[in-house]
Amino acid sequence: MLRVLAVDDEEPALAELLFLLRADPRVRSAEGVLEAAEALRRLGRRGADGAADIDAVFLDVRMAGFSGLDLARLLAGRAEPPRVVFVSAHAEHEEYALRAPGVRAVDWLLKPVRRERLAEAVRRVAELVAADRAPHPGRSGPRPLADGVPVEREGVTRFLPVADITRAEAHGDHARLHTREDSHLVRIPLSTLEECWRAKGFVRIHRRHLVSLARIDALRVDGGRLTVRIGASVLLVSRRCARELRDLLVEKATTDPPGNGR
């Protein structure tokens, strides 16, 4: 469960946000502070094990003095930064806040915050935090990344074989692994998966997508754009990757025995 800090210099808005956060079953604790300096002091405290004890900060963009953007930039430079969700009464802040240099925000909420929209932001944060806490196959573990990946769901960690994975999608320094049935977010860059799984028949088709050649159901050219279909998903192939993908598919078609299916 999540440990959350809310930061807003308007007391009524802070109280409302804390009320909504504490009502979410995925939030274990929610604390509130009225200024960025106070937030920094709170975030400087550590748990009994020496680790950070705040998972996410829900942060007002516009505050007197030290702004939410300033605080987010400071937090991004930490070794273990909390996840950041921006909150603002001004819709025009969304574009520059989410794209501001040095800022990595999970989501954006417009005031007055709606319960269902907050729930979506909490879900996104919870997925990322769960991936952060999961065992990192690059650091330890008896099975190599080339065989599969440890994934966590509802507090249970299991091993997901590479053979079950149809594609992977980049999410910053994480990747979402898709199977025919579901998906899992893991704290592994897509570039690392590409390097490890190339020998398993995976190919990069876009800066955001890594796919299993064996799981491609269809290849299509439409209006000069090349796409692949994997199950119900249609993915764009970048011009830079198109030639390699075609070559690999031709090679696969000529080397696979007749009638060999998935």
Protein backbone atom coordinates (compact mmCIF):
# COMPACT_ATOMS: atom_id res chain seq x y z
CA MET A 1 0.00 0.00 0.00
CA LEU A 2 1.04 3.57 -0.68
CA ARG A 3 2.45 6.17 1.69
CA VAL A 4 1.51 9.59 0.31
CA LEU A 5 2.39 13.21 1.01
CA ALA A 6 0.07 15.99 -0.24
CA VAL A 7 1.43 19.53 -0.66
CA ASP A 8 -0.85 22.56 -1.17
CA ASP A 9 -0.64 26.07 0.27
CA GLU A 10 -4.45 26.41 0.35
CA GLU A 11 -5.73 24.67 3.47
CA PRO A 12 -9.27 23.82 2.20
CA ALA A 13 -7.86 22.30 -0.99
CA LEU A 14 -5.31 20.30 1.01
CA ALA A 15 -8.00 19.00 3.37
CA GLU A 16 -10.20 17.88 0.45
CA LEU A 17 -7.29 16.13 -1.27
CA LEU A 18 -6.32 14.33 1.94
CA PHE A 19 -9.93 13.23 2.45
CA LEU A 20 -10.03 11.65 -1.02
CA LEU A 21 -6.62 10.02 -0.67
CA ARG A 22 -7.43 8.48 2.71
CA ALA A 23 -10.65 7.03 1.27
CA ASP A 24 -8.70 5.06 -1.37
CA PRO A 25 -8.00 1.48 -0.21
CA ARG A 26 -4.59 1.49 -1.93
CA VAL A 27 -3.37 4.35 0.29
CA ARG A 28 -1.97 3.23 3.64
CA SER A 29 -1.23 6.73 4.93
CA ALA A 30 -1.68 10.28 3.66
CA GLU A 31 0.01 13.27 5.28
CA GLY A 32 -0.36 16.92 4.32
CA VAL A 33 1.84 20.03 4.44
CA LEU A 34 1.17 23.63 3.38
CA GLU A 35 4.49 24.63 1.82
CA ALA A 36 7.36 23.19 -0.22
CA ALA A 37 9.99 23.78 2.49
CA GLU A 38 7.93 21.77 4.96
CA ALA A 39 7.55 19.03 2.35
CA LEU A 40 11.32 18.85 1.92
CA ARG A 41 11.81 18.48 5.66
CA ARG A 42 9.23 15.69 5.78
CA LEU A 43 10.76 13.91 2.78
CA GLY A 44 14.16 14.13 4.45
CA ARG A 45 13.01 11.77 7.20
CA ARG A 46 13.72 8.07 6.67
CA GLY A 47 12.10 4.90 7.89
CA ALA A 48 13.56 2.57 10.52
CA ASP A 49 15.39 0.66 7.76
CA GLY A 50 16.96 3.86 6.41
CA ALA A 51 14.83 3.84 3.26
CA ALA A 52 12.47 6.59 2.09
CA ASP A 53 9.05 6.28 3.72
CA ILE A 54 7.01 8.33 1.23
CA ASP A 55 6.09 6.65 -2.07
CA ALA A 56 4.32 9.52 -3.82
CA VAL A 57 3.81 13.28 -3.58
CA PHE A 58 0.60 14.94 -4.76
CA LEU A 59 1.87 18.41 -5.46
CA ASP A 60 0.15 21.74 -6.19
CA VAL A 61 1.87 23.43 -9.14
CA ARG A 62 1.40 27.07 -8.11
CA MET A 63 2.40 27.90 -4.54
CA ALA A 64 3.78 31.06 -2.96
CA GLY A 65 7.57 31.18 -3.00
CA PHE A 66 8.96 27.76 -3.88
CA SER A 67 6.65 26.35 -6.57
CA GLY A 68 5.54 22.75 -7.10
CA LEU A 69 7.66 22.59 -10.25
CA ASP A 70 10.73 23.68 -8.29
CA LEU A 71 10.09 21.00 -5.69
CA ALA A 72 9.51 18.32 -8.36
CA ARG A 73 12.87 19.14 -9.98
CA LEU A 74 14.63 18.80 -6.64
CA LEU A 75 12.96 15.46 -5.94
CA ALA A 76 13.86 14.10 -9.40
CA GLY A 77 17.54 14.45 -8.52
CA ARG A 78 17.31 12.13 -5.49
CA ALA A 79 18.59 8.58 -5.52
CA GLU A 80 15.12 7.28 -4.55
CA PRO A 81 12.68 9.97 -5.71
CA PRO A 82 9.01 9.63 -4.82
CA ARG A 83 6.48 9.48 -7.63
CA VAL A 84 4.95 12.90 -8.40
CA VAL A 85 1.36 13.75 -9.31
CA PHE A 86 0.67 17.40 -10.06
CA VAL A 87 -2.52 19.13 -8.90
CA SER A 88 -3.67 22.53 -10.14
CA ALA A 89 -6.74 24.73 -10.57
CA HIS A 90 -5.37 25.98 -13.89
CA ALA A 91 -5.81 23.70 -16.92
CA GLU A 92 -3.18 25.65 -18.88
CA HIS A 93 -0.49 24.42 -16.46
CA GLU A 94 -0.81 20.80 -17.61
CA GLU A 95 1.27 21.02 -20.80
CA TYR A 96 4.32 22.78 -19.39
CA ALA A 97 4.23 21.00 -16.01
CA LEU A 98 4.28 17.50 -17.51
CA ARG A 99 6.90 18.44 -20.13
CA ALA A 100 9.08 20.74 -18.03
CA PRO A 101 12.80 19.85 -18.14
CA GLY A 102 13.99 17.84 -15.16
CA VAL A 103 10.44 16.89 -14.11
CA ARG A 104 9.06 13.35 -14.28
CA ALA A 105 5.41 13.31 -13.27
CA VAL A 106 3.12 10.29 -13.26
CA ASP A 107 -0.12 12.21 -13.76
CA TRP A 108 -1.95 15.53 -13.57
CA LEU A 109 -5.15 16.37 -11.66
CA LEU A 110 -7.35 19.41 -12.20
CA LYS A 111 -9.04 21.05 -9.19
CA PRO A 112 -11.61 20.44 -7.93
CA VAL A 113 -10.29 16.90 -7.92
CA ARG A 114 -12.86 14.26 -8.87
CA ARG A 115 -12.83 10.99 -6.94
CA GLU A 116 -12.71 8.78 -10.05
CA ARG A 117 -9.88 10.81 -11.59
CA LEU A 118 -7.89 10.61 -8.36
CA ALA A 119 -8.44 6.83 -8.31
CA GLU A 120 -6.89 6.58 -11.77
CA ALA A 121 -3.83 8.56 -10.66
CA VAL A 122 -3.45 6.38 -7.56
CA ARG A 123 -3.67 3.27 -9.74
CA ARG A 124 -0.85 4.53 -11.95
CA VAL A 125 1.32 5.38 -8.96
CA ALA A 126 0.61 2.01 -7.31
CA GLU A 127 1.69 0.13 -10.45
CA LEU A 128 4.97 2.02 -10.65
CA VAL A 129 5.72 1.62 -6.94
CA ALA A 130 4.96 -2.11 -7.13
CA ALA A 131 7.40 -2.39 -10.04
CA ASP A 132 10.02 -0.47 -8.03
CA ARG A 133 9.63 -2.89 -5.12
CA ALA A 134 9.70 -6.06 -7.23
CA PRO A 135 12.99 -8.02 -7.44
CA HIS A 136 15.23 -6.56 -10.15
CA PRO A 137 16.49 -9.36 -12.38
CA GLY A 138 19.57 -7.37 -13.28
CA ARG A 139 20.69 -7.29 -9.65
CA SER A 140 19.93 -10.67 -8.20
CA GLY A 141 17.94 -13.88 -8.60
CA PRO A 142 18.76 -17.43 -9.61
CA ARG A 143 17.24 -17.15 -13.11
CA PRO A 144 18.70 -14.90 -15.85
CA LEU A 145 16.66 -12.20 -17.60
CA ALA A 146 16.98 -14.08 -20.89
CA ASP A 147 14.61 -16.75 -19.51
CA GLY A 148 11.93 -14.41 -18.19
CA VAL A 149 11.08 -11.74 -15.66
CA PRO A 150 9.82 -11.73 -12.04
CA VAL A 151 6.50 -9.85 -11.95
CA GLU A 152 4.34 -8.84 -9.00
CA ARG A 153 0.58 -8.67 -8.69
CA GLU A 154 -1.40 -8.16 -5.48
CA GLY A 155 1.69 -8.78 -3.39
CA VAL A 156 2.57 -12.10 -5.07
CA THR A 157 5.74 -12.41 -7.17
CA ARG A 158 5.90 -15.02 -9.93
CA PHE A 159 8.21 -15.77 -12.86
CA LEU A 160 6.91 -14.76 -16.30
CA PRO A 161 8.62 -16.80 -19.05
CA VAL A 162 9.75 -14.97 -22.18
CA ALA A 163 7.74 -17.46 -24.26
CA ASP A 164 4.52 -16.04 -22.75
CA ILE A 165 5.33 -12.43 -23.68
CA THR A 166 3.93 -11.06 -26.94
CA ARG A 167 5.36 -7.53 -26.76
CA ALA A 168 6.86 -4.92 -24.45
CA GLU A 169 6.08 -1.22 -24.31
CA ALA A 170 8.35 1.51 -22.94
CA HIS A 171 7.15 3.54 -19.93
CA GLY A 172 10.09 5.79 -19.09
CA ASP A 173 12.66 3.65 -17.26
CA HIS A 174 10.04 0.89 -16.92
CA ALA A 175 8.45 -1.46 -19.45
CA ARG A 176 4.97 -2.95 -19.67
CA LEU A 177 5.07 -6.63 -20.66
CA HIS A 178 2.03 -7.91 -22.52
CA THR A 179 0.85 -11.50 -22.73
CA ARG A 180 -2.29 -12.80 -24.47
CA GLU A 181 -4.20 -12.48 -21.18
CA ASP A 182 -2.82 -9.49 -19.25
CA SER A 183 0.10 -7.11 -18.72
CA HIS A 184 2.74 -6.36 -16.08
CA LEU A 185 4.83 -3.26 -15.38
CA VAL A 186 8.50 -3.98 -14.56
CA ARG A 187 11.41 -1.74 -13.67
CA ILE A 188 13.56 -2.64 -16.65
CA PRO A 189 14.36 -0.28 -19.57
CA LEU A 190 13.14 -1.43 -22.99
CA SER A 191 16.71 -1.21 -24.31
CA THR A 192 17.80 -3.86 -21.77
CA LEU A 193 14.99 -6.20 -22.81
CA GLU A 194 15.86 -5.66 -26.47
CA GLU A 195 19.47 -6.67 -25.85
CA CYS A 196 18.55 -9.75 -23.82
CA TRP A 197 15.66 -10.98 -25.97
CA ARG A 198 16.98 -10.45 -29.49
CA ALA A 199 18.14 -14.08 -29.55
CA LYS A 200 14.61 -15.09 -28.47
CA GLY A 201 13.08 -13.57 -31.61
CA PHE A 202 12.17 -10.10 -30.34
CA VAL A 203 12.69 -7.04 -32.52
CA ARG A 204 12.35 -3.30 -31.96
CA ILE A 205 9.67 -1.85 -34.28
CA HIS A 206 9.46 1.61 -32.71
CA ARG A 207 11.22 3.53 -29.95
CA ARG A 208 8.32 2.49 -27.69
CA HIS A 209 7.67 -1.08 -28.87
CA LEU A 210 9.54 -4.38 -28.77
CA VAL A 211 7.64 -7.34 -30.24
CA SER A 212 7.99 -11.10 -30.61
CA LEU A 213 8.23 -12.00 -34.30
CA ALA A 214 6.42 -15.27 -33.61
CA ARG A 215 3.43 -13.38 -32.18
CA ILE A 216 2.87 -11.04 -35.14
CA ASP A 217 -0.53 -11.91 -36.63
CA ALA A 218 -0.48 -9.50 -39.56
CA LEU A 219 1.68 -6.92 -41.32
CA ARG A 220 -0.07 -4.11 -43.17
CA VAL A 221 0.80 -1.03 -45.24
CA ASP A 222 -1.85 1.67 -45.17
CA GLY A 223 -1.31 5.14 -46.58
CA GLY A 224 2.44 4.64 -46.55
CA ARG A 225 2.44 3.62 -42.89
CA LEU A 226 3.54 0.14 -41.84
CA THR A 227 1.73 -1.49 -38.90
CA VAL A 228 1.73 -4.89 -37.23
CA ARG A 229 -1.16 -6.58 -35.47
CA ILE A 230 -0.61 -8.69 -32.36
CA GLY A 231 -3.90 -9.97 -31.04
CA ALA A 232 -6.22 -6.95 -30.77
CA SER A 233 -3.35 -4.44 -30.74
CA VAL A 234 -2.23 -2.58 -33.88
CA LEU A 235 1.23 -1.03 -33.53
CA LEU A 236 2.96 1.49 -35.77
CA VAL A 237 6.36 0.52 -37.20
CA SER A 238 8.80 3.43 -37.47
CA ARG A 239 10.56 4.05 -40.80
CA ARG A 240 13.92 3.38 -39.16
CA CYS A 241 12.83 -0.10 -38.03
CA ALA A 242 10.74 -1.11 -41.06
CA ARG A 243 13.54 -2.56 -43.19
CA GLU A 244 14.92 -4.79 -40.43
CA LEU A 245 11.44 -6.02 -39.54
CA ARG A 246 10.67 -6.98 -43.16
CA ASP A 247 14.01 -8.76 -43.51
CA LEU A 248 13.49 -10.73 -40.29
CA LEU A 249 9.97 -11.75 -41.28
CA VAL A 250 11.18 -12.94 -44.71
CA GLU A 251 14.00 -14.88 -43.06
CA LYS A 252 11.57 -16.43 -40.59
CA ALA A 253 9.17 -17.42 -43.40
CA THR A 254 11.95 -19.16 -45.33
CA THR A 255 13.42 -21.01 -42.35
CA ASP A 256 10.23 -22.10 -40.58
CA PRO A 257 9.01 -25.58 -41.59
CA PRO A 258 5.77 -25.58 -43.64
CA GLY A 259 2.70 -25.54 -41.43
CA ASN A 260 4.69 -24.37 -38.41
CA GLY A 261 2.27 -22.18 -36.39
CA ARG A 262 2.20 -20.38 -33.11
